[in-house]
All heavy atoms as atom14 arrays in JSON, in Angstrom:
{
  "sequence": "LSCAASQSIFSRLRMGWYRQAPGKQRRLVAGISIDGSTDYEDSVKGR",
  "atom14_mask": [
    [1, 1, 1, 1, 1, 1, 1, 1, 0, 0, 0, 0, 0, 0],
    [1, 1, 1, 1, 1, 1, 0, 0, 0, 0, 0, 0, 0, 0],
    [1, 1, 1, 1, 1, 1, 0, 0, 0, 0, 0, 0, 0, 0],
    [1, 1, 1, 1, 1, 0, 0, 0, 0, 0, 0, 0, 0, 0],
    [1, 1, 1, 1, 1, 0, 0, 0, 0, 0, 0, 0, 0, 0],
    [1, 1, 1, 1, 1, 1, 0, 0, 0, 0, 0, 0, 0, 0],
    [1, 1, 1, 1, 1, 1, 1, 1, 1, 0, 0, 0, 0, 0],
    [1, 1, 1, 1, 1, 1, 0, 0, 0, 0, 0, 0, 0, 0],
    [1, 1, 1, 1, 1, 1, 1, 1, 0, 0, 0, 0, 0, 0],
    [1, 1, 1, 1, 1, 1, 1, 1, 1, 1, 1, 0, 0, 0],
    [1, 1, 1, 1, 1, 1, 0, 0, 0, 0, 0, 0, 0, 0],
    [1, 1, 1, 1, 1, 1, 1, 1, 1, 1, 1, 0, 0, 0],
    [1, 1, 1, 1, 1, 1, 1, 1, 0, 0, 0, 0, 0, 0],
    [1, 1, 1, 1, 1, 1, 1, 1, 1, 1, 1, 0, 0, 0],
    [1, 1, 1, 1, 1, 1, 1, 1, 0, 0, 0, 0, 0, 0],
    [1, 1, 1, 1, 0, 0, 0, 0, 0, 0, 0, 0, 0, 0],
    [1, 1, 1, 1, 1, 1, 1, 1, 1, 1, 1, 1, 1, 1],
    [1, 1, 1, 1, 1, 1, 1, 1, 1, 1, 1, 1, 0, 0],
    [1, 1, 1, 1, 1, 1, 1, 1, 1, 1, 1, 0, 0, 0],
    [1, 1, 1, 1, 1, 1, 1, 1, 1, 0, 0, 0, 0, 0],
    [1, 1, 1, 1, 1, 0, 0, 0, 0, 0, 0, 0, 0, 0],
    [1, 1, 1, 1, 1, 1, 1, 0, 0, 0, 0, 0, 0, 0],
    [1, 1, 1, 1, 0, 0, 0, 0, 0, 0, 0, 0, 0, 0],
    [1, 1, 1, 1, 1, 1, 1, 1, 1, 0, 0, 0, 0, 0],
    [1, 1, 1, 1, 1, 1, 1, 1, 1, 0, 0, 0, 0, 0],
    [1, 1, 1, 1, 1, 1, 1, 1, 1, 1, 1, 0, 0, 0],
    [1, 1, 1, 1, 1, 1, 1, 1, 1, 1, 1, 0, 0, 0],
    [1, 1, 1, 1, 1, 1, 1, 1, 0, 0, 0, 0, 0, 0],
    [1, 1, 1, 1, 1, 1, 1, 0, 0, 0, 0, 0, 0, 0],
    [1, 1, 1, 1, 1, 0, 0, 0, 0, 0, 0, 0, 0, 0],
    [1, 1, 1, 1, 0, 0, 0, 0, 0, 0, 0, 0, 0, 0],
    [1, 1, 1, 1, 1, 1, 1, 1, 0, 0, 0, 0, 0, 0],
    [1, 1, 1, 1, 1, 1, 0, 0, 0, 0, 0, 0, 0, 0],
    [1, 1, 1, 1, 1, 1, 1, 1, 0, 0, 0, 0, 0, 0],
    [1, 1, 1, 1, 1, 1, 1, 1, 0, 0, 0, 0, 0, 0],
    [1, 1, 1, 1, 0, 0, 0, 0, 0, 0, 0, 0, 0, 0],
    [1, 1, 1, 1, 1, 1, 0, 0, 0, 0, 0, 0, 0, 0],
    [1, 1, 1, 1, 1, 1, 1, 0, 0, 0, 0, 0, 0, 0],
    [1, 1, 1, 1, 1, 1, 1, 1, 0, 0, 0, 0, 0, 0],
    [1, 1, 1, 1, 1, 1, 1, 1, 1, 1, 1, 1, 0, 0],
    [1, 1, 1, 1, 1, 1, 1, 1, 1, 0, 0, 0, 0, 0],
    [1, 1, 1, 1, 1, 1, 1, 1, 0, 0, 0, 0, 0, 0],
    [1, 1, 1, 1, 1, 1, 0, 0, 0, 0, 0, 0, 0, 0],
    [1, 1, 1, 1, 1, 1, 1, 0, 0, 0, 0, 0, 0, 0],
    [1, 1, 1, 1, 1, 1, 1, 1, 1, 0, 0, 0, 0, 0],
    [1, 1, 1, 1, 0, 0, 0, 0, 0, 0, 0, 0, 0, 0],
    [1, 1, 1, 1, 1, 1, 1, 1, 1, 1, 1, 0, 0, 0]
  ],
  "atom14_positions": [
    [[0.84, -1.19, 0.0], [0.0, 0.0, 0.0], [0.88, 1.25, 0.0], [1.98, 1.25, 0.57], [-0.9, 0.02, 1.24], [-1.75, -1.22, 1.51], [-2.64, -0.99, 2.71], [-2.57, -1.59, 0.28], [0.0, 0.0, 0.0], [0.0, 0.0, 0.0], [0.0, 0.0, 0.0], [0.0, 0.0, 0.0], [0.0, 0.0, 0.0], [0.0, 0.0, 0.0]],
    [[0.36, 2.29, -0.63], [1.07, 3.57, -0.65], [0.13, 4.69, -0.27], [-1.07, 4.63, -0.54], [1.64, 3.84, -2.05], [2.66, 2.93, -2.36], [0.0, 0.0, 0.0], [0.0, 0.0, 0.0], [0.0, 0.0, 0.0], [0.0, 0.0, 0.0], [0.0, 0.0, 0.0], [0.0, 0.0, 0.0], [0.0, 0.0, 0.0], [0.0, 0.0, 0.0]],
    [[0.7, 5.71, 0.36], [-0.07, 6.88, 0.77], [0.72, 8.11, 0.37], [1.91, 8.23, 0.68], [-0.29, 6.85, 2.27], [-0.9, 8.4, 2.98], [0.0, 0.0, 0.0], [0.0, 0.0, 0.0], [0.0, 0.0, 0.0], [0.0, 0.0, 0.0], [0.0, 0.0, 0.0], [0.0, 0.0, 0.0], [0.0, 0.0, 0.0], [0.0, 0.0, 0.0]],
    [[0.06, 9.03, -0.31], [0.67, 10.31, -0.66], [0.01, 11.4, 0.16], [-1.23, 11.49, 0.2], [0.49, 10.58, -2.15], [0.0, 0.0, 0.0], [0.0, 0.0, 0.0], [0.0, 0.0, 0.0], [0.0, 0.0, 0.0], [0.0, 0.0, 0.0], [0.0, 0.0, 0.0], [0.0, 0.0, 0.0], [0.0, 0.0, 0.0], [0.0, 0.0, 0.0]],
    [[0.82, 12.21, 0.81], [0.31, 13.31, 1.62], [0.52, 14.61, 0.87], [1.5, 14.77, 0.14], [1.01, 13.35, 2.97], [0.0, 0.0, 0.0], [0.0, 0.0, 0.0], [0.0, 0.0, 0.0], [0.0, 0.0, 0.0], [0.0, 0.0, 0.0], [0.0, 0.0, 0.0], [0.0, 0.0, 0.0], [0.0, 0.0, 0.0], [0.0, 0.0, 0.0]],
    [[-0.39, 15.53, 1.07], [-0.39, 16.73, 0.26], [0.52, 17.83, 0.77], [0.83, 18.75, 0.05], [-1.81, 17.3, 0.16], [-2.26, 17.7, 1.45], [0.0, 0.0, 0.0], [0.0, 0.0, 0.0], [0.0, 0.0, 0.0], [0.0, 0.0, 0.0], [0.0, 0.0, 0.0], [0.0, 0.0, 0.0], [0.0, 0.0, 0.0], [0.0, 0.0, 0.0]],
    [[0.96, 17.76, 1.99], [1.74, 18.86, 2.52], [3.01, 18.38, 3.21], [3.11, 17.25, 3.63], [0.9, 19.68, 3.51], [-0.24, 20.42, 2.86], [-0.88, 21.41, 3.81], [-0.41, 21.61, 4.93], [-1.94, 22.06, 3.38], [0.0, 0.0, 0.0], [0.0, 0.0, 0.0], [0.0, 0.0, 0.0], [0.0, 0.0, 0.0], [0.0, 0.0, 0.0]],
    [[3.95, 19.27, 3.31], [5.26, 18.9, 3.85], [5.26, 18.7, 5.36], [6.26, 18.28, 5.91], [6.3, 19.94, 3.48], [5.94, 21.19, 4.04], [0.0, 0.0, 0.0], [0.0, 0.0, 0.0], [0.0, 0.0, 0.0], [0.0, 0.0, 0.0], [0.0, 0.0, 0.0], [0.0, 0.0, 0.0], [0.0, 0.0, 0.0], [0.0, 0.0, 0.0]],
    [[4.12, 18.93, 6.02], [4.08, 18.66, 7.46], [4.32, 17.18, 7.71], [4.7, 16.77, 8.8], [2.74, 19.07, 8.09], [1.57, 18.28, 7.49], [2.53, 20.56, 7.99], [0.27, 18.47, 8.23], [0.0, 0.0, 0.0], [0.0, 0.0, 0.0], [0.0, 0.0, 0.0], [0.0, 0.0, 0.0], [0.0, 0.0, 0.0], [0.0, 0.0, 0.0]],
    [[4.06, 16.39, 6.69], [4.27, 14.95, 6.77], [5.64, 14.64, 7.36], [5.78, 13.75, 8.19], [4.12, 14.38, 5.36], [4.52, 12.96, 5.2], [3.58, 11.95, 5.31], [5.83, 12.61, 4.91], [3.94, 10.63, 5.13], [6.2, 11.29, 4.74], [5.25, 10.3, 4.85], [0.0, 0.0, 0.0], [0.0, 0.0, 0.0], [0.0, 0.0, 0.0]],
    [[6.66, 15.37, 6.92], [8.03, 15.05, 7.31], [8.32, 15.39, 8.77], [9.36, 15.02, 9.3], [9.02, 15.78, 6.41], [8.88, 17.18, 6.6], [0.0, 0.0, 0.0], [0.0, 0.0, 0.0], [0.0, 0.0, 0.0], [0.0, 0.0, 0.0], [0.0, 0.0, 0.0], [0.0, 0.0, 0.0], [0.0, 0.0, 0.0], [0.0, 0.0, 0.0]],
    [[7.4, 16.09, 9.43], [7.63, 16.52, 10.81], [6.77, 15.75, 11.82], [6.79, 16.06, 13.02], [7.33, 18.01, 10.95], [8.15, 18.87, 10.01], [8.12, 20.32, 10.43], [6.78, 20.89, 10.4], [6.25, 21.48, 9.34], [6.92, 21.54, 8.23], [5.04, 22.0, 9.41], [0.0, 0.0, 0.0], [0.0, 0.0, 0.0], [0.0, 0.0, 0.0]],
    [[5.99, 14.79, 11.34], [5.04, 14.12, 12.2], [5.17, 12.6, 12.16], [5.59, 12.04, 11.15], [3.62, 14.5, 11.8], [3.25, 15.98, 11.92], [1.9, 16.23, 11.29], [3.27, 16.41, 13.38], [0.0, 0.0, 0.0], [0.0, 0.0, 0.0], [0.0, 0.0, 0.0], [0.0, 0.0, 0.0], [0.0, 0.0, 0.0], [0.0, 0.0, 0.0]],
    [[4.8, 11.97, 13.25], [4.7, 10.52, 13.28], [3.51, 10.12, 12.42], [2.46, 10.76, 12.45], [4.51, 10.05, 14.71], [4.64, 8.56, 14.91], [4.8, 8.22, 16.39], [4.76, 6.78, 16.58], [3.88, 6.15, 17.35], [2.98, 6.84, 18.01], [3.92, 4.84, 17.48], [0.0, 0.0, 0.0], [0.0, 0.0, 0.0], [0.0, 0.0, 0.0]],
    [[3.69, 9.08, 11.61], [2.67, 8.66, 10.65], [2.25, 7.22, 10.93], [3.03, 6.42, 11.48], [3.19, 8.76, 9.22], [3.49, 10.17, 8.76], [2.01, 11.2, 8.64], [1.04, 10.26, 7.45], [0.0, 0.0, 0.0], [0.0, 0.0, 0.0], [0.0, 0.0, 0.0], [0.0, 0.0, 0.0], [0.0, 0.0, 0.0], [0.0, 0.0, 0.0]],
    [[1.05, 6.89, 10.48], [0.58, 5.53, 10.73], [-0.38, 5.02, 9.67], [-0.98, 5.8, 8.92], [0.0, 0.0, 0.0], [0.0, 0.0, 0.0], [0.0, 0.0, 0.0], [0.0, 0.0, 0.0], [0.0, 0.0, 0.0], [0.0, 0.0, 0.0], [0.0, 0.0, 0.0], [0.0, 0.0, 0.0], [0.0, 0.0, 0.0], [0.0, 0.0, 0.0]],
    [[-0.49, 3.71, 9.61], [-1.52, 3.04, 8.82], [-2.59, 2.54, 9.78], [-2.28, 1.88, 10.78], [-0.94, 1.89, 8.02], [-0.26, 2.32, 6.76], [1.07, 2.5, 6.56], [-0.91, 2.62, 5.52], [1.31, 2.91, 5.27], [0.11, 2.98, 4.6], [-2.23, 2.61, 5.07], [-0.16, 3.34, 3.27], [-2.49, 2.96, 3.77], [-1.48, 3.32, 2.88]],
    [[-3.83, 2.83, 9.42], [-4.98, 2.4, 10.2], [-5.82, 1.47, 9.33], [-5.77, 1.55, 8.11], [-5.84, 3.61, 10.59], [-5.15, 4.65, 11.43], [-4.24, 5.55, 10.88], [-5.44, 4.76, 12.79], [-3.62, 6.52, 11.66], [-4.83, 5.74, 13.58], [-3.93, 6.61, 13.0], [-3.33, 7.58, 13.78], [0.0, 0.0, 0.0], [0.0, 0.0, 0.0]],
    [[-6.61, 0.63, 9.97], [-7.54, -0.18, 9.19], [-8.88, -0.29, 9.91], [-8.93, -0.24, 11.14], [-6.96, -1.57, 8.9], [-6.87, -2.51, 10.09], [-6.2, -3.82, 9.65], [-6.07, -4.77, 10.75], [-5.39, -5.9, 10.67], [-4.77, -6.23, 9.52], [-5.32, -6.72, 11.71], [0.0, 0.0, 0.0], [0.0, 0.0, 0.0], [0.0, 0.0, 0.0]],
    [[-9.92, -0.44, 9.1], [-11.26, -0.6, 9.64], [-11.91, -1.78, 8.95], [-12.18, -1.73, 7.74], [-12.09, 0.66, 9.44], [-13.45, 0.6, 10.11], [-14.15, 1.94, 10.13], [-13.83, 2.85, 9.37], [-15.12, 2.09, 11.05], [0.0, 0.0, 0.0], [0.0, 0.0, 0.0], [0.0, 0.0, 0.0], [0.0, 0.0, 0.0], [0.0, 0.0, 0.0]],
    [[-12.13, -2.82, 9.72], [-12.81, -4.02, 9.21], [-14.32, -3.8, 9.3], [-14.79, -2.98, 10.08], [-12.39, -5.23, 10.02], [0.0, 0.0, 0.0], [0.0, 0.0, 0.0], [0.0, 0.0, 0.0], [0.0, 0.0, 0.0], [0.0, 0.0, 0.0], [0.0, 0.0, 0.0], [0.0, 0.0, 0.0], [0.0, 0.0, 0.0], [0.0, 0.0, 0.0]],
    [[-15.08, -4.55, 8.51], [-16.54, -4.41, 8.53], [-17.11, -4.58, 9.94], [-16.79, -5.55, 10.63], [-17.01, -5.52, 7.61], [-15.87, -5.76, 6.68], [-14.63, -5.54, 7.51], [0.0, 0.0, 0.0], [0.0, 0.0, 0.0], [0.0, 0.0, 0.0], [0.0, 0.0, 0.0], [0.0, 0.0, 0.0], [0.0, 0.0, 0.0], [0.0, 0.0, 0.0]],
    [[-17.9, -3.61, 10.38], [-18.54, -3.69, 11.68], [-17.65, -3.41, 12.86], [-18.05, -3.57, 14.01], [0.0, 0.0, 0.0], [0.0, 0.0, 0.0], [0.0, 0.0, 0.0], [0.0, 0.0, 0.0], [0.0, 0.0, 0.0], [0.0, 0.0, 0.0], [0.0, 0.0, 0.0], [0.0, 0.0, 0.0], [0.0, 0.0, 0.0], [0.0, 0.0, 0.0]],
    [[-16.42, -2.97, 12.59], [-15.47, -2.71, 13.69], [-14.96, -1.28, 13.61], [-15.06, -0.61, 12.59], [-14.31, -3.7, 13.62], [-14.73, -5.15, 13.82], [-13.52, -6.04, 13.95], [-13.95, -7.48, 14.23], [-12.77, -8.39, 14.36], [0.0, 0.0, 0.0], [0.0, 0.0, 0.0], [0.0, 0.0, 0.0], [0.0, 0.0, 0.0], [0.0, 0.0, 0.0]],
    [[-14.36, -0.84, 14.71], [-13.8, 0.5, 14.75], [-12.44, 0.53, 14.06], [-11.72, -0.47, 14.01], [-13.66, 0.96, 16.2], [-15.01, 1.19, 16.88], [-14.91, 2.18, 18.02], [-13.83, 2.51, 18.48], [-16.05, 2.65, 18.48], [0.0, 0.0, 0.0], [0.0, 0.0, 0.0], [0.0, 0.0, 0.0], [0.0, 0.0, 0.0], [0.0, 0.0, 0.0]],
    [[-12.12, 1.72, 13.54], [-10.81, 1.9, 12.94], [-9.74, 1.78, 14.03], [-9.9, 2.28, 15.14], [-10.73, 3.27, 12.28], [-9.43, 3.55, 11.55], [-9.41, 4.97, 11.04], [-10.23, 5.17, 9.88], [-11.2, 6.08, 9.8], [-11.46, 6.87, 10.84], [-11.91, 6.23, 8.7], [0.0, 0.0, 0.0], [0.0, 0.0, 0.0], [0.0, 0.0, 0.0]],
    [[-8.63, 1.11, 13.66], [-7.55, 0.98, 14.62], [-6.2, 1.13, 13.95], [-6.03, 0.81, 12.77], [-7.64, -0.35, 15.37], [-7.62, -1.59, 14.51], [-7.97, -2.8, 15.35], [-7.0, -3.03, 16.41], [-7.26, -3.76, 17.5], [-8.44, -4.31, 17.67], [-6.34, -3.94, 18.42], [0.0, 0.0, 0.0], [0.0, 0.0, 0.0], [0.0, 0.0, 0.0]],
    [[-5.23, 1.58, 14.71], [-3.87, 1.76, 14.22], [-3.16, 0.41, 14.17], [-3.17, -0.33, 15.16], [-3.12, 2.72, 15.14], [-1.66, 2.99, 14.83], [-1.52, 3.76, 13.52], [-1.01, 3.77, 15.97], [0.0, 0.0, 0.0], [0.0, 0.0, 0.0], [0.0, 0.0, 0.0], [0.0, 0.0, 0.0], [0.0, 0.0, 0.0], [0.0, 0.0, 0.0]],
    [[-2.55, 0.09, 13.03], [-1.84, -1.18, 12.93], [-0.34, -1.02, 12.8], [0.41, -1.95, 13.13], [-2.36, -2.05, 11.77], [-3.81, -2.45, 12.01], [-2.22, -1.33, 10.43], [0.0, 0.0, 0.0], [0.0, 0.0, 0.0], [0.0, 0.0, 0.0], [0.0, 0.0, 0.0], [0.0, 0.0, 0.0], [0.0, 0.0, 0.0], [0.0, 0.0, 0.0]],
    [[0.13, 0.13, 12.33], [1.56, 0.34, 12.18], [1.87, 1.83, 12.26], [1.12, 2.64, 11.72], [2.06, -0.23, 10.84], [0.0, 0.0, 0.0], [0.0, 0.0, 0.0], [0.0, 0.0, 0.0], [0.0, 0.0, 0.0], [0.0, 0.0, 0.0], [0.0, 0.0, 0.0], [0.0, 0.0, 0.0], [0.0, 0.0, 0.0], [0.0, 0.0, 0.0]],
    [[2.97, 2.16, 12.92], [3.36, 3.55, 13.05], [4.85, 3.72, 12.79], [5.63, 2.79, 12.99], [0.0, 0.0, 0.0], [0.0, 0.0, 0.0], [0.0, 0.0, 0.0], [0.0, 0.0, 0.0], [0.0, 0.0, 0.0], [0.0, 0.0, 0.0], [0.0, 0.0, 0.0], [0.0, 0.0, 0.0], [0.0, 0.0, 0.0], [0.0, 0.0, 0.0]],
    [[5.21, 4.91, 12.32], [6.63, 5.2, 12.07], [6.92, 6.63, 12.47], [6.18, 7.56, 12.13], [7.0, 4.93, 10.59], [8.49, 5.13, 10.37], [6.18, 5.79, 9.63], [8.98, 4.57, 9.02], [0.0, 0.0, 0.0], [0.0, 0.0, 0.0], [0.0, 0.0, 0.0], [0.0, 0.0, 0.0], [0.0, 0.0, 0.0], [0.0, 0.0, 0.0]],
    [[8.0, 6.8, 13.24], [8.38, 8.12, 13.71], [9.24, 8.83, 12.67], [9.63, 8.26, 11.66], [9.14, 7.99, 15.03], [8.33, 7.39, 16.01], [0.0, 0.0, 0.0], [0.0, 0.0, 0.0], [0.0, 0.0, 0.0], [0.0, 0.0, 0.0], [0.0, 0.0, 0.0], [0.0, 0.0, 0.0], [0.0, 0.0, 0.0], [0.0, 0.0, 0.0]],
    [[9.55, 10.09, 12.98], [10.36, 10.9, 12.06], [11.74, 10.27, 11.87], [12.29, 10.3, 10.77], [10.49, 12.32, 12.6], [9.11, 12.97, 12.74], [11.38, 13.17, 11.69], [9.13, 14.26, 13.51], [0.0, 0.0, 0.0], [0.0, 0.0, 0.0], [0.0, 0.0, 0.0], [0.0, 0.0, 0.0], [0.0, 0.0, 0.0], [0.0, 0.0, 0.0]],
    [[12.26, 9.66, 12.92], [13.59, 9.06, 12.83], [13.57, 7.66, 12.23], [14.61, 7.01, 12.13], [14.25, 9.02, 14.22], [13.5, 8.13, 15.19], [12.49, 7.52, 14.81], [13.92, 8.05, 16.36], [0.0, 0.0, 0.0], [0.0, 0.0, 0.0], [0.0, 0.0, 0.0], [0.0, 0.0, 0.0], [0.0, 0.0, 0.0], [0.0, 0.0, 0.0]],
    [[12.39, 7.19, 11.85], [12.3, 5.89, 11.21], [11.98, 4.73, 12.13], [11.82, 3.6, 11.66], [0.0, 0.0, 0.0], [0.0, 0.0, 0.0], [0.0, 0.0, 0.0], [0.0, 0.0, 0.0], [0.0, 0.0, 0.0], [0.0, 0.0, 0.0], [0.0, 0.0, 0.0], [0.0, 0.0, 0.0], [0.0, 0.0, 0.0], [0.0, 0.0, 0.0]],
    [[11.9, 4.97, 13.42], [11.56, 3.88, 14.33], [10.1, 3.49, 14.13], [9.25, 4.34, 13.86], [11.81, 4.3, 15.78], [11.04, 5.43, 16.11], [0.0, 0.0, 0.0], [0.0, 0.0, 0.0], [0.0, 0.0, 0.0], [0.0, 0.0, 0.0], [0.0, 0.0, 0.0], [0.0, 0.0, 0.0], [0.0, 0.0, 0.0], [0.0, 0.0, 0.0]],
    [[9.84, 2.19, 14.24], [8.52, 1.67, 13.91], [7.92, 0.89, 15.07], [8.63, 0.42, 15.97], [8.6, 0.74, 12.69], [9.5, -0.35, 12.99], [9.11, 1.48, 11.47], [0.0, 0.0, 0.0], [0.0, 0.0, 0.0], [0.0, 0.0, 0.0], [0.0, 0.0, 0.0], [0.0, 0.0, 0.0], [0.0, 0.0, 0.0], [0.0, 0.0, 0.0]],
    [[6.61, 0.75, 15.02], [5.92, -0.12, 15.97], [4.66, -0.66, 15.29], [4.13, -0.04, 14.36], [5.57, 0.61, 17.27], [4.78, 1.87, 17.03], [3.54, 1.78, 17.0], [5.39, 2.93, 16.84], [0.0, 0.0, 0.0], [0.0, 0.0, 0.0], [0.0, 0.0, 0.0], [0.0, 0.0, 0.0], [0.0, 0.0, 0.0], [0.0, 0.0, 0.0]],
    [[4.24, -1.84, 15.74], [3.16, -2.56, 15.09], [2.19, -3.15, 16.11], [2.57, -3.52, 17.22], [3.73, -3.71, 14.25], [4.69, -3.26, 13.18], [6.05, -3.19, 13.43], [4.23, -2.91, 11.91], [6.94, -2.76, 12.45], [5.11, -2.49, 10.93], [6.46, -2.41, 11.21], [7.33, -2.0, 10.23], [0.0, 0.0, 0.0], [0.0, 0.0, 0.0]],
    [[0.95, -3.28, 15.67], [-0.02, -4.03, 16.45], [0.43, -5.49, 16.46], [0.99, -5.97, 15.46], [-1.4, -3.89, 15.81], [-2.51, -4.59, 16.56], [-3.82, -4.53, 15.79], [-3.95, -5.3, 14.81], [-4.69, -3.74, 16.16], [0.0, 0.0, 0.0], [0.0, 0.0, 0.0], [0.0, 0.0, 0.0], [0.0, 0.0, 0.0], [0.0, 0.0, 0.0]],
    [[0.18, -6.19, 17.55], [0.66, -7.58, 17.66], [0.2, -8.46, 16.51], [0.95, -9.34, 16.06], [0.18, -8.18, 18.99], [0.95, -7.65, 20.18], [2.0, -6.99, 19.98], [0.5, -7.87, 21.31], [0.0, 0.0, 0.0], [0.0, 0.0, 0.0], [0.0, 0.0, 0.0], [0.0, 0.0, 0.0], [0.0, 0.0, 0.0], [0.0, 0.0, 0.0]],
    [[-0.99, -8.25, 16.01], [-1.54, -9.13, 14.99], [-0.81, -9.05, 13.65], [-0.94, -9.95, 12.81], [-3.03, -8.84, 14.76], [-3.2, -7.54, 14.21], [0.0, 0.0, 0.0], [0.0, 0.0, 0.0], [0.0, 0.0, 0.0], [0.0, 0.0, 0.0], [0.0, 0.0, 0.0], [0.0, 0.0, 0.0], [0.0, 0.0, 0.0], [0.0, 0.0, 0.0]],
    [[-0.03, -7.99, 13.43], [0.66, -7.83, 12.15], [2.18, -7.87, 12.28], [2.89, -7.82, 11.27], [0.24, -6.52, 11.45], [-1.28, -6.43, 11.34], [0.8, -5.3, 12.14], [0.0, 0.0, 0.0], [0.0, 0.0, 0.0], [0.0, 0.0, 0.0], [0.0, 0.0, 0.0], [0.0, 0.0, 0.0], [0.0, 0.0, 0.0], [0.0, 0.0, 0.0]],
    [[2.68, -7.98, 13.5], [4.13, -8.02, 13.7], [4.75, -9.18, 12.94], [4.24, -10.29, 12.95], [4.45, -8.17, 15.2], [4.38, -6.87, 15.97], [4.74, -7.08, 17.43], [4.63, -5.79, 18.22], [4.9, -5.99, 19.66], [0.0, 0.0, 0.0], [0.0, 0.0, 0.0], [0.0, 0.0, 0.0], [0.0, 0.0, 0.0], [0.0, 0.0, 0.0]],
    [[5.86, -8.88, 12.27], [6.55, -9.9, 11.51], [5.98, -10.12, 10.12], [6.58, -10.83, 9.31], [0.0, 0.0, 0.0], [0.0, 0.0, 0.0], [0.0, 0.0, 0.0], [0.0, 0.0, 0.0], [0.0, 0.0, 0.0], [0.0, 0.0, 0.0], [0.0, 0.0, 0.0], [0.0, 0.0, 0.0], [0.0, 0.0, 0.0], [0.0, 0.0, 0.0]],
    [[4.83, -9.52, 9.81], [4.21, -9.68, 8.5], [4.13, -8.36, 7.74], [4.23, -8.34, 6.52], [2.8, -10.26, 8.64], [2.76, -11.61, 9.32], [1.36, -12.23, 9.25], [0.35, -11.43, 9.95], [-0.73, -10.91, 9.36], [-0.95, -11.1, 8.08], [-1.61, -10.2, 10.09], [0.0, 0.0, 0.0], [0.0, 0.0, 0.0], [0.0, 0.0, 0.0]]
  ]
}
């Protein structure tokens, strides 16, 4: 998946991928900081 952001504030903020399954609330599954450090929801770690 790819995401394009419209403004340069992108480079100054922590970013994430969220997902919303049918009938469920949106949740964060992966995040990345400005310095490149990452974190993942347990269900997607390693994948």
